[in-house]
Amino acid sequence: MKIILDTNIIFSCLLNSNGTIGDIIFDYHGDFEFYSCDYMRFEIDKHWEKIKRISKLSDKDLHESLFRLLTKIHFVNEELIPERIWLKAEKLTMDIDVDDLDFVALTDYLKGVLWTGDKELYDGLKNKGFKKVVNTQDLLRKRALSAKK
């Protein structure tokens, strides 16, 4: 399953790689493949000092956490996404949060699911009939079901 990570999932994992999100990304060896937009690297750099301050990790430890996280994510250049997908994603996000446009477009482009911790985005997309969105609890349920097989 292709899972597109949005900003809050990536930042949450950086802030606490030993938490539930980190457990799903680092310790699950099932069929989850993680993806994100190329610009996420810029977002991480842009917010590095804030992430470091909130995490209370040393620069070295945070860099190690980032390196470990980056080995788990396939980054996709947004320029590969066709215009028709951008337009569809724009309609879905314009009254929810246009900052999530790239993640919704990438989700559609890769035929994956968007993993978000943003309740407003999750509920807004679900209410619009966009079924390719999951939250952490949804993924925990999927993981538990696949473990039973």
Protein backbone atom coordinates (compact mmCIF):
# COMPACT_ATOMS: atom_id res chain seq x y z
CA MET A 1 0.00 0.00 0.00
CA LYS A 2 1.36 3.41 -0.99
CA ILE A 3 0.97 5.85 1.88
CA ILE A 4 1.56 9.55 1.34
CA LEU A 5 2.85 11.30 4.48
CA ASP A 6 1.77 14.87 5.04
CA THR A 7 3.71 17.50 6.97
CA ASN A 8 2.22 16.83 10.39
CA ILE A 9 2.97 13.09 10.19
CA ILE A 10 6.59 13.72 9.22
CA PHE A 11 7.05 16.39 11.88
CA SER A 12 5.38 14.19 14.52
CA CYS A 13 7.75 11.36 13.67
CA LEU A 14 10.75 13.67 13.94
CA LEU A 15 9.55 15.00 17.29
CA ASN A 16 9.00 11.53 18.72
CA SER A 17 10.32 8.67 16.60
CA ASN A 18 9.53 6.23 19.43
CA GLY A 19 5.81 7.06 19.44
CA THR A 20 2.95 5.42 17.55
CA ILE A 21 3.74 7.18 14.27
CA GLY A 22 7.40 6.19 14.51
CA ASP A 23 6.34 2.64 15.30
CA ILE A 24 4.25 2.46 12.12
CA ILE A 25 7.01 3.94 9.96
CA PHE A 26 10.06 2.22 11.44
CA ASP A 27 8.88 -1.04 12.95
CA TYR A 28 6.17 -2.30 10.65
CA HIS A 29 7.49 -4.68 8.02
CA GLY A 30 4.26 -5.19 6.12
CA ASP A 31 3.14 -3.79 2.82
CA PHE A 32 3.29 -0.05 3.64
CA GLU A 33 5.43 2.07 1.30
CA PHE A 34 5.85 5.70 2.36
CA TYR A 35 5.93 8.67 -0.01
CA SER A 36 5.93 12.44 0.23
CA CYS A 37 6.42 15.52 -1.89
CA ASP A 38 9.91 16.76 -2.75
CA TYR A 39 9.22 20.10 -1.10
CA MET A 40 8.96 18.36 2.29
CA ARG A 41 12.74 18.52 2.48
CA PHE A 42 12.49 22.31 2.24
CA GLU A 43 9.74 22.36 4.90
CA ILE A 44 11.93 20.35 7.28
CA ASP A 45 14.87 22.72 6.74
CA LYS A 46 12.62 25.76 7.09
CA HIS A 47 11.25 24.57 10.45
CA TRP A 48 14.40 22.85 11.73
CA GLU A 49 15.05 25.16 14.68
CA LYS A 50 11.43 24.95 15.83
CA ILE A 51 11.46 21.13 15.52
CA LYS A 52 14.71 21.01 17.48
CA ARG A 53 13.33 23.29 20.19
CA ILE A 54 10.08 21.32 20.58
CA SER A 55 11.75 17.90 20.43
CA LYS A 56 14.41 18.88 22.98
CA LEU A 57 16.80 16.63 21.05
CA SER A 58 20.37 17.62 20.34
CA ASP A 59 21.16 18.67 16.80
CA LYS A 60 23.06 15.40 16.35
CA ASP A 61 20.18 13.23 17.62
CA LEU A 62 17.65 15.10 15.52
CA HIS A 63 19.84 14.71 12.42
CA GLU A 64 20.08 10.97 13.12
CA SER A 65 16.29 10.79 13.46
CA LEU A 66 15.87 12.72 10.21
CA PHE A 67 18.34 10.48 8.36
CA ARG A 68 16.54 7.39 9.62
CA LEU A 69 13.18 8.85 8.54
CA LEU A 70 14.44 9.86 5.10
CA THR A 71 15.52 6.27 4.42
CA LYS A 72 11.87 5.21 4.80
CA ILE A 73 10.31 7.79 2.45
CA HIS A 74 10.27 7.93 -1.35
CA PHE A 75 10.17 11.57 -2.41
CA VAL A 76 8.32 12.43 -5.61
CA ASN A 77 8.84 15.54 -7.72
CA GLU A 78 5.52 17.36 -7.86
CA GLU A 79 6.22 18.45 -11.44
CA LEU A 80 5.44 14.88 -12.56
CA ILE A 81 1.80 15.26 -11.53
CA PRO A 82 -0.52 16.04 -14.48
CA GLU A 83 -2.54 19.27 -14.48
CA ARG A 84 -5.90 17.45 -14.38
CA ILE A 85 -4.89 15.89 -11.03
CA TRP A 86 -3.82 19.29 -9.67
CA LEU A 87 -7.19 20.76 -10.62
CA LYS A 88 -9.08 17.93 -8.94
CA ALA A 89 -6.95 18.25 -5.78
CA GLU A 90 -7.46 22.01 -5.75
CA LYS A 91 -11.25 21.57 -5.75
CA LEU A 92 -10.98 19.12 -2.86
CA THR A 93 -8.72 21.30 -0.69
CA MET A 94 -9.71 24.88 -1.48
CA ASP A 95 -12.18 25.25 1.39
CA ILE A 96 -10.32 22.92 3.78
CA ASP A 97 -6.61 23.81 3.60
CA VAL A 98 -4.97 24.72 0.30
CA ASP A 99 -1.56 24.00 1.91
CA ASP A 100 -2.41 20.30 1.62
CA LEU A 101 -3.03 20.49 -2.13
CA ASP A 102 0.30 18.82 -2.98
CA PHE A 103 -0.36 15.83 -0.73
CA VAL A 104 -3.86 15.26 -2.13
CA ALA A 105 -2.53 15.56 -5.69
CA LEU A 106 0.32 13.14 -4.95
CA THR A 107 -2.13 10.69 -3.37
CA ASP A 108 -4.27 10.68 -6.49
CA TYR A 109 -1.23 10.51 -8.79
CA LEU A 110 0.29 7.50 -6.99
CA LYS A 111 -3.11 5.87 -6.39
CA GLY A 112 -2.24 5.70 -2.72
CA VAL A 113 -3.75 6.88 0.53
CA LEU A 114 -2.98 10.09 2.39
CA TRP A 115 -1.95 9.69 6.03
CA THR A 116 -2.71 12.80 8.02
CA GLY A 117 -3.00 13.76 11.65
CA ASP A 118 -4.94 16.88 10.66
CA LYS A 119 -8.51 16.20 11.81
CA GLU A 120 -9.92 19.11 9.76
CA LEU A 121 -8.29 17.79 6.58
CA TYR A 122 -9.29 14.18 7.31
CA ASP A 123 -12.93 15.05 8.04
CA GLY A 124 -13.14 17.58 5.20
CA LEU A 125 -11.86 15.15 2.59
CA LYS A 126 -14.06 12.33 3.89
CA ASN A 127 -17.10 14.63 3.78
CA LYS A 128 -16.31 15.38 0.12
CA GLY A 129 -16.24 11.67 -0.69
CA PHE A 130 -12.44 11.41 -0.90
CA LYS A 131 -11.91 7.93 0.48
CA LYS A 132 -8.12 7.83 0.05
CA VAL A 133 -7.36 9.44 3.41
CA VAL A 134 -6.43 7.72 6.68
CA ASN A 135 -5.45 8.76 10.16
CA THR A 136 -3.12 6.99 12.57
CA GLN A 137 -5.91 4.91 14.12
CA ASP A 138 -6.98 3.71 10.65
CA LEU A 139 -3.43 2.53 9.94
CA LEU A 140 -3.16 0.78 13.29
CA ARG A 141 -6.35 -1.13 12.44
CA LYS A 142 -5.02 -2.04 8.97
CA ARG A 143 -1.77 -3.23 10.51
CA ALA A 144 -3.61 -5.34 13.08
CA LEU A 145 -5.79 -6.90 10.38
CA SER A 146 -2.81 -7.76 8.19
CA ALA A 147 -0.99 -9.28 11.19
CA LYS A 148 -3.92 -11.69 11.67
CA LYS A 149 -3.56 -13.03 8.12
